[in-house]
Amino acid sequence: MSDPKPGDGNAARLKLWWSTEGKHLWANDPHPWTRLNQLLKSKGVPKHMVDGLTTNIYVLVKGHGPGRD
């Protein structure tokens, strides 16, 4: 199967997994953005896209940006 969004580094697939099945690994952490960012880095997400991807997933799950309660 070909990549439906070539050039995005599989960001769409990563967003889906980390916002659903992988959510339990970071969403209830005292510092969820930082934890998710660490997890994405450990999975090899490139440095130039990890912070943006982390924020996008965070907003998708939490409904607001990091730093808001």
N, C-alpha and C. Protein backbone atom coordinates (compact mmCIF):
# COMPACT_ATOMS: atom_id res chain seq x y z
N MET A 1 0.85 -1.18 0.00
CA MET A 1 0.00 0.00 0.00
C MET A 1 0.89 1.24 0.00
N SER A 2 0.56 2.20 -0.83
CA SER A 2 1.37 3.41 -0.90
C SER A 2 0.97 4.40 0.20
N ASP A 3 1.88 5.28 0.50
CA ASP A 3 1.65 6.31 1.51
C ASP A 3 0.65 7.32 0.94
N PRO A 4 -0.52 7.51 1.59
CA PRO A 4 -1.52 8.44 1.05
C PRO A 4 -1.09 9.90 1.10
N LYS A 5 -0.11 10.22 1.92
CA LYS A 5 0.39 11.59 2.02
C LYS A 5 1.91 11.57 1.92
N PRO A 6 2.45 11.31 0.75
CA PRO A 6 3.91 11.24 0.64
C PRO A 6 4.55 12.56 1.05
N GLY A 7 5.66 12.46 1.76
CA GLY A 7 6.38 13.64 2.18
C GLY A 7 6.02 14.15 3.56
N ASP A 8 4.97 13.61 4.20
CA ASP A 8 4.60 14.11 5.54
C ASP A 8 5.26 13.29 6.64
N GLY A 9 6.11 12.33 6.28
CA GLY A 9 6.80 11.52 7.27
C GLY A 9 5.85 10.64 8.06
N ASN A 10 4.74 10.26 7.45
CA ASN A 10 3.72 9.44 8.11
C ASN A 10 3.09 10.14 9.31
N ALA A 11 3.08 11.46 9.29
CA ALA A 11 2.51 12.23 10.41
C ALA A 11 1.05 11.87 10.64
N ALA A 12 0.29 11.66 9.59
CA ALA A 12 -1.14 11.34 9.75
C ALA A 12 -1.30 10.02 10.51
N ARG A 13 -0.49 9.03 10.16
CA ARG A 13 -0.55 7.73 10.84
C ARG A 13 -0.12 7.87 12.30
N LEU A 14 0.93 8.63 12.54
CA LEU A 14 1.40 8.85 13.91
C LEU A 14 0.34 9.58 14.74
N LYS A 15 -0.27 10.61 14.17
CA LYS A 15 -1.32 11.35 14.88
C LYS A 15 -2.46 10.42 15.29
N LEU A 16 -2.88 9.59 14.37
CA LEU A 16 -3.98 8.67 14.65
C LEU A 16 -3.62 7.72 15.79
N TRP A 17 -2.45 7.10 15.73
CA TRP A 17 -2.09 6.11 16.75
C TRP A 17 -1.90 6.77 18.12
N TRP A 18 -1.13 7.86 18.18
CA TRP A 18 -0.84 8.50 19.46
C TRP A 18 -2.05 9.20 20.07
N SER A 19 -3.07 9.50 19.26
CA SER A 19 -4.27 10.14 19.81
C SER A 19 -5.34 9.12 20.17
N THR A 20 -5.12 7.85 19.86
CA THR A 20 -6.10 6.81 20.19
C THR A 20 -5.42 5.71 21.01
N GLU A 21 -4.87 4.74 20.35
CA GLU A 21 -4.27 3.59 21.04
C GLU A 21 -3.11 3.96 21.96
N GLY A 22 -2.29 4.93 21.56
CA GLY A 22 -1.13 5.30 22.36
C GLY A 22 -1.38 6.38 23.39
N LYS A 23 -2.59 6.89 23.43
CA LYS A 23 -2.93 8.00 24.33
C LYS A 23 -2.64 7.67 25.79
N HIS A 24 -2.88 6.44 26.20
CA HIS A 24 -2.69 6.06 27.60
C HIS A 24 -1.23 6.18 28.05
N LEU A 25 -0.31 6.24 27.12
CA LEU A 25 1.11 6.33 27.46
C LEU A 25 1.57 7.73 27.85
N TRP A 26 0.74 8.73 27.56
CA TRP A 26 1.19 10.10 27.83
C TRP A 26 0.10 11.04 28.37
N ALA A 27 -1.15 10.83 28.04
CA ALA A 27 -2.19 11.83 28.30
C ALA A 27 -2.44 12.12 29.78
N ASN A 28 -2.20 11.17 30.65
CA ASN A 28 -2.43 11.39 32.09
C ASN A 28 -1.16 11.66 32.86
N ASP A 29 -0.06 11.84 32.16
CA ASP A 29 1.21 12.18 32.79
C ASP A 29 1.10 13.59 33.38
N PRO A 30 1.81 13.89 34.47
CA PRO A 30 1.79 15.25 35.02
C PRO A 30 2.24 16.32 34.01
N HIS A 31 3.07 15.91 33.04
CA HIS A 31 3.56 16.80 32.00
C HIS A 31 3.33 16.13 30.65
N PRO A 32 2.07 16.08 30.20
CA PRO A 32 1.72 15.28 29.03
C PRO A 32 2.42 15.71 27.73
N TRP A 33 2.58 17.01 27.48
CA TRP A 33 3.24 17.43 26.24
C TRP A 33 4.69 16.95 26.23
N THR A 34 5.37 17.14 27.35
CA THR A 34 6.77 16.74 27.45
C THR A 34 6.91 15.23 27.29
N ARG A 35 6.03 14.48 27.93
CA ARG A 35 6.08 13.01 27.82
C ARG A 35 5.85 12.55 26.39
N LEU A 36 4.84 13.12 25.73
CA LEU A 36 4.57 12.76 24.35
C LEU A 36 5.75 13.12 23.46
N ASN A 37 6.32 14.28 23.67
CA ASN A 37 7.47 14.71 22.89
C ASN A 37 8.63 13.72 23.05
N GLN A 38 8.88 13.27 24.28
CA GLN A 38 9.95 12.29 24.53
C GLN A 38 9.65 10.97 23.82
N LEU A 39 8.41 10.55 23.88
CA LEU A 39 8.02 9.29 23.23
C LEU A 39 8.19 9.38 21.71
N LEU A 40 7.76 10.48 21.13
CA LEU A 40 7.90 10.64 19.68
C LEU A 40 9.37 10.68 19.27
N LYS A 41 10.20 11.36 20.04
CA LYS A 41 11.64 11.38 19.75
C LYS A 41 12.23 9.97 19.83
N SER A 42 11.79 9.20 20.82
CA SER A 42 12.31 7.83 20.98
C SER A 42 11.90 6.92 19.83
N LYS A 43 10.84 7.31 19.12
CA LYS A 43 10.36 6.53 17.97
C LYS A 43 10.96 7.03 16.66
N GLY A 44 11.86 8.00 16.75
CA GLY A 44 12.58 8.45 15.57
C GLY A 44 11.93 9.57 14.77
N VAL A 45 10.97 10.26 15.36
CA VAL A 45 10.38 11.41 14.65
C VAL A 45 11.49 12.45 14.48
N PRO A 46 11.68 12.94 13.27
CA PRO A 46 12.77 13.90 13.01
C PRO A 46 12.66 15.16 13.87
N LYS A 47 13.82 15.67 14.23
CA LYS A 47 13.92 16.84 15.10
C LYS A 47 13.13 18.03 14.56
N HIS A 48 13.12 18.21 13.24
CA HIS A 48 12.47 19.38 12.66
C HIS A 48 10.95 19.30 12.71
N MET A 49 10.39 18.14 13.03
CA MET A 49 8.93 18.05 13.07
C MET A 49 8.36 17.58 14.40
N VAL A 50 9.20 17.20 15.35
CA VAL A 50 8.69 16.59 16.58
C VAL A 50 7.88 17.56 17.45
N ASP A 51 8.31 18.80 17.58
CA ASP A 51 7.56 19.73 18.44
C ASP A 51 6.18 20.04 17.86
N GLY A 52 6.13 20.28 16.56
CA GLY A 52 4.85 20.57 15.92
C GLY A 52 3.90 19.38 15.97
N LEU A 53 4.44 18.19 15.72
CA LEU A 53 3.61 16.99 15.78
C LEU A 53 3.11 16.75 17.19
N THR A 54 3.96 16.97 18.17
CA THR A 54 3.56 16.83 19.57
C THR A 54 2.39 17.76 19.88
N THR A 55 2.51 19.00 19.49
CA THR A 55 1.44 19.97 19.76
C THR A 55 0.15 19.60 19.03
N ASN A 56 0.27 19.17 17.78
CA ASN A 56 -0.93 18.79 17.03
C ASN A 56 -1.66 17.62 17.68
N ILE A 57 -0.92 16.62 18.13
CA ILE A 57 -1.54 15.46 18.79
C ILE A 57 -2.14 15.89 20.13
N TYR A 58 -1.42 16.69 20.87
CA TYR A 58 -1.89 17.19 22.16
C TYR A 58 -3.22 17.91 22.00
N VAL A 59 -3.32 18.82 21.05
CA VAL A 59 -4.55 19.58 20.81
C VAL A 59 -5.68 18.64 20.37
N LEU A 60 -5.36 17.68 19.54
CA LEU A 60 -6.36 16.72 19.09
C LEU A 60 -6.99 15.97 20.27
N VAL A 61 -6.16 15.57 21.23
CA VAL A 61 -6.65 14.80 22.37
C VAL A 61 -7.26 15.69 23.45
N LYS A 62 -6.57 16.75 23.80
CA LYS A 62 -6.98 17.59 24.93
C LYS A 62 -7.99 18.68 24.56
N GLY A 63 -8.04 19.05 23.28
CA GLY A 63 -8.97 20.08 22.86
C GLY A 63 -8.48 21.50 23.06
N HIS A 64 -7.24 21.65 23.48
CA HIS A 64 -6.63 22.97 23.69
C HIS A 64 -5.12 22.82 23.64
N GLY A 65 -4.43 23.92 23.54
CA GLY A 65 -2.98 23.89 23.48
C GLY A 65 -2.35 23.59 24.83
N PRO A 66 -1.07 23.21 24.83
CA PRO A 66 -0.37 22.95 26.08
C PRO A 66 -0.30 24.22 26.93
N GLY A 67 -0.29 24.03 28.23
CA GLY A 67 -0.22 25.16 29.14
C GLY A 67 -1.56 25.63 29.66
N ARG A 68 -2.64 25.11 29.09
CA ARG A 68 -3.99 25.46 29.57
C ARG A 68 -4.55 24.28 30.33
N ASP A 69 -5.26 24.54 31.38
CA ASP A 69 -5.89 23.45 32.16
C ASP A 69 -7.37 23.42 31.92
